[in-house]
């Protein structure tokens, strides 16, 4: 179906005018399509990852290698979703100190690059995990269907108290699984 703005209009859930490549901390939740348990199960208040869950876990860690301004913080893979705090720093050039990056930038304008946005990072993560899980399903002669639901939830973390509350929520998510709105 061709895009029709009169029919296909979605209200953005992002903060209007906010620069999502800006250094700071962001709470992210990404859900599986139809909340299907794809990544394992919770047993005795502990998340037990299956093969797809292990892929989701490892690829989240690998984001720090893919994006120079991405710093790992608290995250948790759950049966049908994942929570994480993305911390963006001011580093935007791969493999160089700021002074070297500036010198190289003056010589070669392609060295420095614009910092990726939260949407670009989440999009890359979803794509990488989907492709790896698809290969896993194919190796078992199974069909996967759509892995992720469209979009994701984000919240800009503005202070230490909020960061601590969200971190505790993420860490304790497996022990609260039976009460979780995604369960």
Protein backbone atom coordinates (compact mmCIF):
# COMPACT_ATOMS: atom_id res chain seq x y z
CA UNK A 1 0.00 0.00 0.00
CA UNK A 2 1.34 3.42 -0.97
CA UNK A 3 1.84 6.00 1.79
CA UNK A 4 -1.11 8.33 2.19
CA UNK A 5 -0.64 11.10 4.81
CA UNK A 6 -4.40 11.36 5.31
CA UNK A 7 -4.63 7.70 6.37
CA UNK A 8 -1.14 6.84 7.57
CA UNK A 9 -0.40 9.40 10.23
CA UNK A 10 1.35 8.51 13.44
CA UNK A 11 2.02 10.83 16.29
CA UNK A 12 5.70 10.88 17.24
CA UNK A 13 6.49 9.82 20.78
CA UNK A 14 9.84 11.65 20.70
CA UNK A 15 10.41 14.97 22.45
CA UNK A 16 9.85 17.59 19.75
CA UNK A 17 12.98 19.54 18.90
CA UNK A 18 15.27 17.43 21.10
CA UNK A 19 18.65 16.37 19.69
CA UNK A 20 18.81 12.61 20.30
CA UNK A 21 22.52 12.54 19.40
CA UNK A 22 23.22 14.79 22.38
CA UNK A 23 25.45 13.44 25.16
CA UNK A 24 23.41 12.08 28.04
CA UNK A 25 21.63 9.01 29.35
CA UNK A 26 18.54 7.44 27.77
CA UNK A 27 16.34 4.63 29.08
CA UNK A 28 15.32 2.32 26.23
CA UNK A 29 12.77 -0.50 26.05
CA UNK A 30 12.47 -2.60 22.90
CA UNK A 31 9.66 -5.18 22.69
CA UNK A 32 9.31 -8.31 20.61
CA UNK A 33 6.48 -8.42 18.09
CA UNK A 34 3.23 -9.49 19.79
CA UNK A 35 5.25 -9.84 23.01
CA UNK A 36 6.29 -13.36 22.01
CA UNK A 37 8.88 -14.83 24.37
CA UNK A 38 11.88 -15.04 22.03
CA UNK A 39 14.88 -14.67 24.34
CA UNK A 40 14.44 -17.27 27.08
CA UNK A 41 12.52 -17.51 30.32
CA UNK A 42 12.58 -16.37 33.92
CA UNK A 43 13.24 -19.17 36.41
CA UNK A 44 13.47 -18.52 40.15
CA UNK A 45 13.67 -14.75 39.55
CA UNK A 46 16.59 -15.14 37.14
CA UNK A 47 16.59 -14.62 33.39
CA UNK A 48 17.79 -17.73 31.53
CA UNK A 49 18.80 -16.79 27.99
CA UNK A 50 18.21 -19.11 25.06
CA UNK A 51 20.27 -18.85 21.83
CA UNK A 52 18.32 -15.82 20.59
CA UNK A 53 18.64 -14.20 24.01
CA UNK A 54 22.39 -14.75 23.94
CA UNK A 55 22.51 -13.04 20.54
CA UNK A 56 20.50 -10.09 21.89
CA UNK A 57 22.81 -9.88 24.93
CA UNK A 58 26.08 -10.03 22.97
CA UNK A 59 24.94 -7.57 20.32
CA UNK A 60 23.97 -5.02 22.98
CA UNK A 61 27.51 -5.26 24.38
CA UNK A 62 28.94 -4.96 20.85
CA UNK A 63 27.24 -1.58 20.37
CA UNK A 64 30.14 -0.02 22.30
CA UNK A 65 32.47 -1.21 19.51
CA UNK A 66 30.14 -0.05 16.73
CA UNK A 67 29.43 3.45 18.02
CA UNK A 68 32.28 5.56 19.40
CA UNK A 69 29.97 7.66 21.56
CA UNK A 70 28.05 4.68 23.08
CA UNK A 71 28.88 3.70 26.65
CA UNK A 72 27.53 0.54 28.25
CA UNK A 73 25.37 0.95 31.30
CA UNK A 74 22.76 -1.25 32.96
CA UNK A 75 20.72 -3.49 30.65
CA UNK A 76 18.58 -6.62 30.88
CA UNK A 77 17.36 -9.00 28.24
CA UNK A 78 13.91 -10.33 29.21
CA UNK A 79 11.83 -13.10 27.58
CA UNK A 80 10.01 -10.72 25.22
CA UNK A 81 11.73 -7.37 25.54
CA UNK A 82 14.91 -5.67 26.62
CA UNK A 83 15.66 -2.68 28.79
CA UNK A 84 18.85 -0.68 28.65
CA UNK A 85 20.36 2.63 29.51
CA UNK A 86 22.27 4.13 26.63
CA UNK A 87 24.86 6.70 27.64
CA UNK A 88 26.08 8.88 24.82
CA UNK A 89 29.37 10.70 25.27
CA UNK A 90 30.78 13.57 23.25
CA UNK A 91 33.17 11.24 21.34
CA UNK A 92 32.21 11.16 17.68
CA UNK A 93 35.38 10.19 15.82
CA UNK A 94 36.48 6.58 15.53
CA UNK A 95 39.98 5.65 16.75
CA UNK A 96 41.37 9.10 17.37
CA UNK A 97 41.87 11.58 20.16
CA UNK A 98 39.99 14.87 19.74
CA UNK A 99 43.22 16.70 18.72
CA UNK A 100 44.15 14.04 16.16
CA UNK A 101 40.58 13.91 14.92
CA UNK A 102 40.55 17.66 14.37
CA UNK A 103 43.87 17.58 12.48
CA UNK A 104 42.71 14.62 10.36
CA UNK A 105 39.37 16.32 9.85
CA UNK A 106 41.10 19.35 8.39
CA UNK A 107 43.08 17.09 6.03
CA UNK A 108 40.29 14.65 5.25
CA UNK A 109 36.71 15.73 5.82
CA UNK A 110 35.51 12.10 5.90
CA UNK A 111 37.45 11.21 9.10
CA UNK A 112 35.12 12.90 11.56
CA UNK A 113 31.51 11.84 11.57
CA UNK A 114 28.36 13.12 13.13
CA UNK A 115 27.32 11.39 16.33
CA UNK A 116 24.61 8.79 15.76
CA UNK A 117 21.19 9.38 17.25
CA UNK A 118 19.45 7.07 19.71
CA UNK A 119 17.12 6.02 16.87
CA UNK A 120 20.10 5.05 14.69
CA UNK A 121 21.67 3.03 17.49
CA UNK A 122 18.41 1.25 18.35
CA UNK A 123 17.69 0.67 14.66
CA UNK A 124 21.13 -0.87 14.14
CA UNK A 125 20.70 -3.08 17.21
CA UNK A 126 17.28 -4.30 16.12
CA UNK A 127 18.55 -5.04 12.62
CA UNK A 128 21.68 -6.89 13.75
CA UNK A 129 19.77 -9.01 16.28
CA UNK A 130 16.99 -9.74 13.77
CA UNK A 131 19.47 -10.88 11.12
CA UNK A 132 21.43 -13.08 13.53
CA UNK A 133 18.26 -14.64 14.96
CA UNK A 134 16.92 -15.21 11.44
CA UNK A 135 20.09 -17.13 10.57
CA UNK A 136 19.64 -19.18 13.75
CA UNK A 137 16.03 -20.01 12.83
CA UNK A 138 17.03 -20.90 9.27
CA UNK A 139 19.76 -23.23 10.55
CA UNK A 140 17.01 -25.15 12.38
CA UNK A 141 14.70 -25.08 9.33
CA UNK A 142 12.22 -22.85 11.16
CA UNK A 143 10.56 -19.60 10.22
CA UNK A 144 10.97 -16.69 12.59
CA UNK A 145 8.45 -14.07 11.55
CA UNK A 146 8.94 -10.50 12.68
CA UNK A 147 11.20 -10.28 15.74
CA UNK A 148 10.65 -6.72 16.98
CA UNK A 149 7.59 -4.55 17.25
CA UNK A 150 7.76 -1.24 15.43
CA UNK A 151 9.46 1.58 17.31
CA UNK A 152 10.73 1.54 20.90
CA UNK A 153 10.18 3.37 24.18
CA UNK A 154 12.70 5.94 25.35
CA UNK A 155 13.01 8.27 28.29
CA UNK A 156 15.66 10.97 28.67
CA UNK A 157 17.36 10.54 32.06
CA UNK A 158 17.92 14.00 33.49
CA UNK A 159 19.29 13.40 36.98
CA UNK A 160 21.09 10.87 39.18
CA UNK A 161 18.00 9.94 41.20
CA UNK A 162 16.11 9.00 38.04
CA UNK A 163 19.13 7.06 36.78
CA UNK A 164 19.29 5.10 40.06
CA UNK A 165 15.55 4.34 40.00
CA UNK A 166 15.65 3.15 36.40
CA UNK A 167 18.81 1.11 37.01
CA UNK A 168 17.15 -0.63 39.97
CA UNK A 169 14.05 -1.30 37.87
CA UNK A 170 16.17 -2.88 35.12
CA UNK A 171 18.30 -5.00 37.47
CA UNK A 172 15.25 -6.22 39.40
CA UNK A 173 13.09 -6.83 36.32
CA UNK A 174 13.52 -10.66 36.37
CA UNK A 175 12.41 -10.88 40.01
CA UNK A 176 9.30 -8.82 39.16
CA UNK A 177 8.51 -10.75 35.95
CA UNK A 178 5.12 -12.01 37.15
CA UNK A 179 4.06 -8.41 37.81
CA UNK A 180 5.65 -7.00 34.64
CA UNK A 181 3.35 -5.27 32.15
CA UNK A 182 5.20 -7.03 29.30
CA UNK A 183 4.53 -10.52 30.77
